[in-house]
Amino acid sequence: MKKRDDLFIIQIRLFRLAQLKWNKTAEECEEIFKQNKIFEYIATCYEEYHVQGDDANLADIEKYLENNDVKVEINKDNSIVFSKYEYSMELLAAMASANIAKEKKISKTNAFLKFIKSQTGQMLFDESTDMWMNGPDYIADEYRREMASK
């Protein structure tokens, strides 16, 4: 896997973990990530992040925010429940976002941020919809259909 692809998947993973741990909507999490340049920060930490665990990486981001006087409410009871398909959902989101980015000629990160806020993105991360059982091209096509109907 190319470094930039691996980095993109790490960024998606940490976005989702933050969203769940901080109990934020995709829009709220996007605002925190953009205002504090967290995607860029993750890129500078790639060498460490790609060999560390998720908890250590997210803790580092939280420390980064704290050092920059940014307060985020953290779910301290550690009761975050992940779907057993979470990693698959994240990988599908990454691949669908890459597909969308290529077509729209935008960055994969921007494509992901648009995708995660869509109904299609919400369905992908809702295990009960079974959207995660489809391939990335189908998911990207569903997103396009959703956007065309708006």
C-alpha atoms as a PDB file:
ATOM      1  CA  MET A   1       0.000   0.000   0.000  1.00  0.00           C
ATOM      2  CA  LYS A   2       1.254   3.470  -0.828  1.00  0.00           C
ATOM      3  CA  LYS A   3       2.032   5.784   2.069  1.00  0.00           C
ATOM      4  CA  ARG A   4      -0.571   8.355   0.995  1.00  0.00           C
ATOM      5  CA  ASP A   5      -3.278   5.658   0.836  1.00  0.00           C
ATOM      6  CA  ASP A   6      -2.277   4.330   4.243  1.00  0.00           C
ATOM      7  CA  LEU A   7      -2.292   7.883   5.626  1.00  0.00           C
ATOM      8  CA  PHE A   8      -5.794   8.477   4.233  1.00  0.00           C
ATOM      9  CA  ILE A   9      -7.104   5.337   5.928  1.00  0.00           C
ATOM     10  CA  ILE A  10      -5.485   6.394   9.222  1.00  0.00           C
ATOM     11  CA  GLN A  11      -7.128   9.818   8.895  1.00  0.00           C
ATOM     12  CA  ILE A  12     -10.535   8.239   8.324  1.00  0.00           C
ATOM     13  CA  ARG A  13     -10.033   5.836  11.233  1.00  0.00           C
ATOM     14  CA  LEU A  14      -9.069   8.628  13.627  1.00  0.00           C
ATOM     15  CA  PHE A  15     -11.922  10.843  12.412  1.00  0.00           C
ATOM     16  CA  ARG A  16     -14.414   8.049  13.145  1.00  0.00           C
ATOM     17  CA  LEU A  17     -12.844   7.268  16.533  1.00  0.00           C
ATOM     18  CA  ALA A  18     -12.937  10.938  17.485  1.00  0.00           C
ATOM     19  CA  GLN A  19     -16.521  11.256  16.278  1.00  0.00           C
ATOM     20  CA  LEU A  20     -17.591   8.337  18.443  1.00  0.00           C
ATOM     21  CA  LYS A  21     -15.439   9.071  21.497  1.00  0.00           C
ATOM     22  CA  TRP A  22     -16.284  12.764  21.523  1.00  0.00           C
ATOM     23  CA  ASN A  23     -19.941  12.029  20.752  1.00  0.00           C
ATOM     24  CA  LYS A  24     -19.987  14.449  17.807  1.00  0.00           C
ATOM     25  CA  THR A  25     -21.885  14.528  14.551  1.00  0.00           C
ATOM     26  CA  ALA A  26     -19.861  14.312  11.352  1.00  0.00           C
ATOM     27  CA  GLU A  27     -20.359  18.074  10.915  1.00  0.00           C
ATOM     28  CA  GLU A  28     -19.138  18.869  14.439  1.00  0.00           C
ATOM     29  CA  CYS A  29     -16.144  16.575  14.112  1.00  0.00           C
ATOM     30  CA  GLU A  30     -15.301  18.076  10.719  1.00  0.00           C
ATOM     31  CA  GLU A  31     -15.326  21.551  12.242  1.00  0.00           C
ATOM     32  CA  ILE A  32     -12.908  20.489  14.998  1.00  0.00           C
ATOM     33  CA  PHE A  33     -10.629  18.721  12.512  1.00  0.00           C
ATOM     34  CA  LYS A  34     -10.599  21.632  10.048  1.00  0.00           C
ATOM     35  CA  GLN A  35     -10.234  24.452  12.579  1.00  0.00           C
ATOM     36  CA  ASN A  36      -7.328  22.695  14.252  1.00  0.00           C
ATOM     37  CA  LYS A  37      -5.753  21.222  11.108  1.00  0.00           C
ATOM     38  CA  ILE A  38      -5.943  17.727  12.543  1.00  0.00           C
ATOM     39  CA  PHE A  39      -5.751  16.014   9.159  1.00  0.00           C
ATOM     40  CA  GLU A  40      -2.486  17.871   8.555  1.00  0.00           C
ATOM     41  CA  TYR A  41      -1.283  17.003  12.068  1.00  0.00           C
ATOM     42  CA  ILE A  42      -1.990  13.318  11.427  1.00  0.00           C
ATOM     43  CA  ALA A  43       0.106  13.565   8.255  1.00  0.00           C
ATOM     44  CA  THR A  44       3.061  14.956  10.225  1.00  0.00           C
ATOM     45  CA  CYS A  45       2.702  12.090  12.720  1.00  0.00           C
ATOM     46  CA  TYR A  46       2.395   9.351  10.096  1.00  0.00           C
ATOM     47  CA  GLU A  47       5.639   7.572  10.998  1.00  0.00           C
ATOM     48  CA  GLU A  48       4.483   7.154  14.595  1.00  0.00           C
ATOM     49  CA  TYR A  49       0.790   6.661  13.900  1.00  0.00           C
ATOM     50  CA  HIS A  50       1.134   3.839  11.407  1.00  0.00           C
ATOM     51  CA  VAL A  51       2.897   1.674  14.024  1.00  0.00           C
ATOM     52  CA  GLN A  52       0.951   2.728  17.142  1.00  0.00           C
ATOM     53  CA  GLY A  53      -2.493   1.631  18.188  1.00  0.00           C
ATOM     54  CA  ASP A  54      -5.667   3.628  17.693  1.00  0.00           C
ATOM     55  CA  ASP A  55      -5.981   4.555  21.370  1.00  0.00           C
ATOM     56  CA  ALA A  56      -2.468   6.011  21.494  1.00  0.00           C
ATOM     57  CA  ASN A  57      -3.028   7.950  18.268  1.00  0.00           C
ATOM     58  CA  LEU A  58      -6.326   9.439  19.417  1.00  0.00           C
ATOM     59  CA  ALA A  59      -4.824  10.254  22.836  1.00  0.00           C
ATOM     60  CA  ASP A  60      -2.036  12.119  21.029  1.00  0.00           C
ATOM     61  CA  ILE A  61      -4.597  14.124  19.039  1.00  0.00           C
ATOM     62  CA  GLU A  62      -6.461  14.943  22.235  1.00  0.00           C
ATOM     63  CA  LYS A  63      -3.178  16.103  23.810  1.00  0.00           C
ATOM     64  CA  TYR A  64      -2.472  18.188  20.690  1.00  0.00           C
ATOM     65  CA  LEU A  65      -5.880  19.850  21.072  1.00  0.00           C
ATOM     66  CA  GLU A  66      -5.343  20.395  24.790  1.00  0.00           C
ATOM     67  CA  ASN A  67      -1.938  22.000  24.109  1.00  0.00           C
ATOM     68  CA  ASN A  68      -3.704  24.354  21.695  1.00  0.00           C
ATOM     69  CA  ASP A  69      -6.345  25.259  24.298  1.00  0.00           C
ATOM     70  CA  VAL A  70      -9.108  23.407  22.472  1.00  0.00           C
ATOM     71  CA  LYS A  71     -11.594  21.679  24.727  1.00  0.00           C
ATOM     72  CA  VAL A  72     -13.491  18.643  23.522  1.00  0.00           C
ATOM     73  CA  GLU A  73     -15.790  16.672  25.731  1.00  0.00           C
ATOM     74  CA  ILE A  74     -14.516  13.140  25.857  1.00  0.00           C
ATOM     75  CA  ASN A  75     -16.582  10.061  26.600  1.00  0.00           C
ATOM     76  CA  LYS A  76     -14.657   9.059  29.706  1.00  0.00           C
ATOM     77  CA  ASP A  77     -16.573   5.896  30.522  1.00  0.00           C
ATOM     78  CA  ASN A  78     -14.990   4.067  27.576  1.00  0.00           C
ATOM     79  CA  SER A  79     -18.362   2.614  26.651  1.00  0.00           C
ATOM     80  CA  ILE A  80     -17.963   3.242  22.945  1.00  0.00           C
ATOM     81  CA  VAL A  81     -19.515   0.344  21.111  1.00  0.00           C
ATOM     82  CA  PHE A  82     -18.094  -0.318  17.675  1.00  0.00           C
ATOM     83  CA  SER A  83     -19.733  -2.403  15.038  1.00  0.00           C
ATOM     84  CA  LYS A  84     -17.780  -5.566  14.410  1.00  0.00           C
ATOM     85  CA  TYR A  85     -17.712  -4.307  10.832  1.00  0.00           C
ATOM     86  CA  GLU A  86     -16.266  -0.857  11.661  1.00  0.00           C
ATOM     87  CA  TYR A  87     -12.912  -1.459   9.952  1.00  0.00           C
ATOM     88  CA  SER A  88     -14.657  -2.739   6.829  1.00  0.00           C
ATOM     89  CA  MET A  89     -16.962   0.273   6.843  1.00  0.00           C
ATOM     90  CA  GLU A  90     -13.994   2.635   7.141  1.00  0.00           C
ATOM     91  CA  LEU A  91     -12.128   0.930   4.310  1.00  0.00           C
ATOM     92  CA  LEU A  92     -15.236   1.082   2.115  1.00  0.00           C
ATOM     93  CA  ALA A  93     -15.642   4.775   2.975  1.00  0.00           C
ATOM     94  CA  ALA A  94     -11.999   5.367   2.007  1.00  0.00           C
ATOM     95  CA  MET A  95     -12.363   3.552  -1.321  1.00  0.00           C
ATOM     96  CA  ALA A  96     -15.707   5.191  -2.162  1.00  0.00           C
ATOM     97  CA  SER A  97     -14.276   8.610  -1.238  1.00  0.00           C
ATOM     98  CA  ALA A  98     -11.250   8.012  -3.470  1.00  0.00           C
ATOM     99  CA  ASN A  99     -13.630   7.145  -6.309  1.00  0.00           C
ATOM    100  CA  ILE A 100     -15.652  10.324  -5.701  1.00  0.00           C
ATOM    101  CA  ALA A 101     -12.492  12.447  -5.382  1.00  0.00           C
ATOM    102  CA  LYS A 102     -11.163  11.226  -8.700  1.00  0.00           C
ATOM    103  CA  GLU A 103     -14.420  12.029 -10.472  1.00  0.00           C
ATOM    104  CA  LYS A 104     -14.912  15.436  -8.804  1.00  0.00           C
ATOM    105  CA  LYS A 105     -11.194  16.315  -8.983  1.00  0.00           C
ATOM    106  CA  ILE A 106     -11.058  17.131  -5.278  1.00  0.00           C
ATOM    107  CA  SER A 107      -8.870  15.777  -2.497  1.00  0.00           C
ATOM    108  CA  LYS A 108      -9.775  12.423  -0.980  1.00  0.00           C
ATOM    109  CA  THR A 109     -10.133  14.131   2.393  1.00  0.00           C
ATOM    110  CA  ASN A 110     -12.674  16.629   1.026  1.00  0.00           C
ATOM    111  CA  ALA A 111     -14.530  13.817  -0.708  1.00  0.00           C
ATOM    112  CA  PHE A 112     -14.622  11.854   2.553  1.00  0.00           C
ATOM    113  CA  LEU A 113     -15.953  14.864   4.487  1.00  0.00           C
ATOM    114  CA  LYS A 114     -18.753  15.289   1.942  1.00  0.00           C
ATOM    115  CA  PHE A 115     -19.456  11.562   1.914  1.00  0.00           C
ATOM    116  CA  ILE A 116     -19.532  11.069   5.712  1.00  0.00           C
ATOM    117  CA  LYS A 117     -22.176  13.803   6.070  1.00  0.00           C
ATOM    118  CA  SER A 118     -24.430  12.295   3.398  1.00  0.00           C
ATOM    119  CA  GLN A 119     -27.300   9.898   3.916  1.00  0.00           C
ATOM    120  CA  THR A 120     -25.242   7.288   2.057  1.00  0.00           C
ATOM    121  CA  GLY A 121     -22.345   7.779   4.473  1.00  0.00           C
ATOM    122  CA  GLN A 122     -24.663   7.498   7.451  1.00  0.00           C
ATOM    123  CA  MET A 123     -26.136   4.320   6.018  1.00  0.00           C
ATOM    124  CA  LEU A 124     -22.687   2.820   5.483  1.00  0.00           C
ATOM    125  CA  PHE A 125     -21.862   3.219   9.175  1.00  0.00           C
ATOM    126  CA  ASP A 126     -25.254   1.898  10.289  1.00  0.00           C
ATOM    127  CA  GLU A 127     -24.796  -1.857  10.458  1.00  0.00           C
ATOM    128  CA  SER A 128     -28.546  -2.487  10.230  1.00  0.00           C
ATOM    129  CA  THR A 129     -28.753  -1.114   6.659  1.00  0.00           C
ATOM    130  CA  ASP A 130     -26.304  -3.702   5.298  1.00  0.00           C
ATOM    131  CA  MET A 131     -24.792  -0.987   3.081  1.00  0.00           C
ATOM    132  CA  TRP A 132     -21.382  -2.212   4.263  1.00  0.00           C
ATOM    133  CA  MET A 133     -22.012  -5.479   2.381  1.00  0.00           C
ATOM    134  CA  ASN A 134     -21.656  -3.682  -0.964  1.00  0.00           C
ATOM    135  CA  GLY A 135     -18.507  -2.740  -2.816  1.00  0.00           C
ATOM    136  CA  PRO A 136     -17.000   0.749  -2.943  1.00  0.00           C
ATOM    137  CA  ASP A 137     -18.174   1.421  -6.513  1.00  0.00           C
ATOM    138  CA  TYR A 138     -21.776   0.659  -5.573  1.00  0.00           C
ATOM    139  CA  ILE A 139     -21.490   2.879  -2.492  1.00  0.00           C
ATOM    140  CA  ALA A 140     -19.970   5.724  -4.536  1.00  0.00           C
ATOM    141  CA  ASP A 141     -22.801   5.321  -7.083  1.00  0.00           C
ATOM    142  CA  GLU A 142     -25.392   5.495  -4.281  1.00  0.00           C
ATOM    143  CA  TYR A 143     -23.747   8.716  -3.095  1.00  0.00           C
ATOM    144  CA  ARG A 144     -23.884  10.137  -6.632  1.00  0.00           C
ATOM    145  CA  ARG A 145     -27.560   9.221  -6.945  1.00  0.00           C
ATOM    146  CA  GLU A 146     -28.242  10.891  -3.598  1.00  0.00           C
ATOM    147  CA  MET A 147     -26.426  14.075  -4.670  1.00  0.00           C
ATOM    148  CA  ALA A 148     -28.174  14.113  -8.068  1.00  0.00           C
ATOM    149  CA  SER A 149     -31.582  13.994  -6.357  1.00  0.00           C
ATOM    150  CA  LYS A 150     -30.847  17.094  -4.267  1.00  0.00           C
END
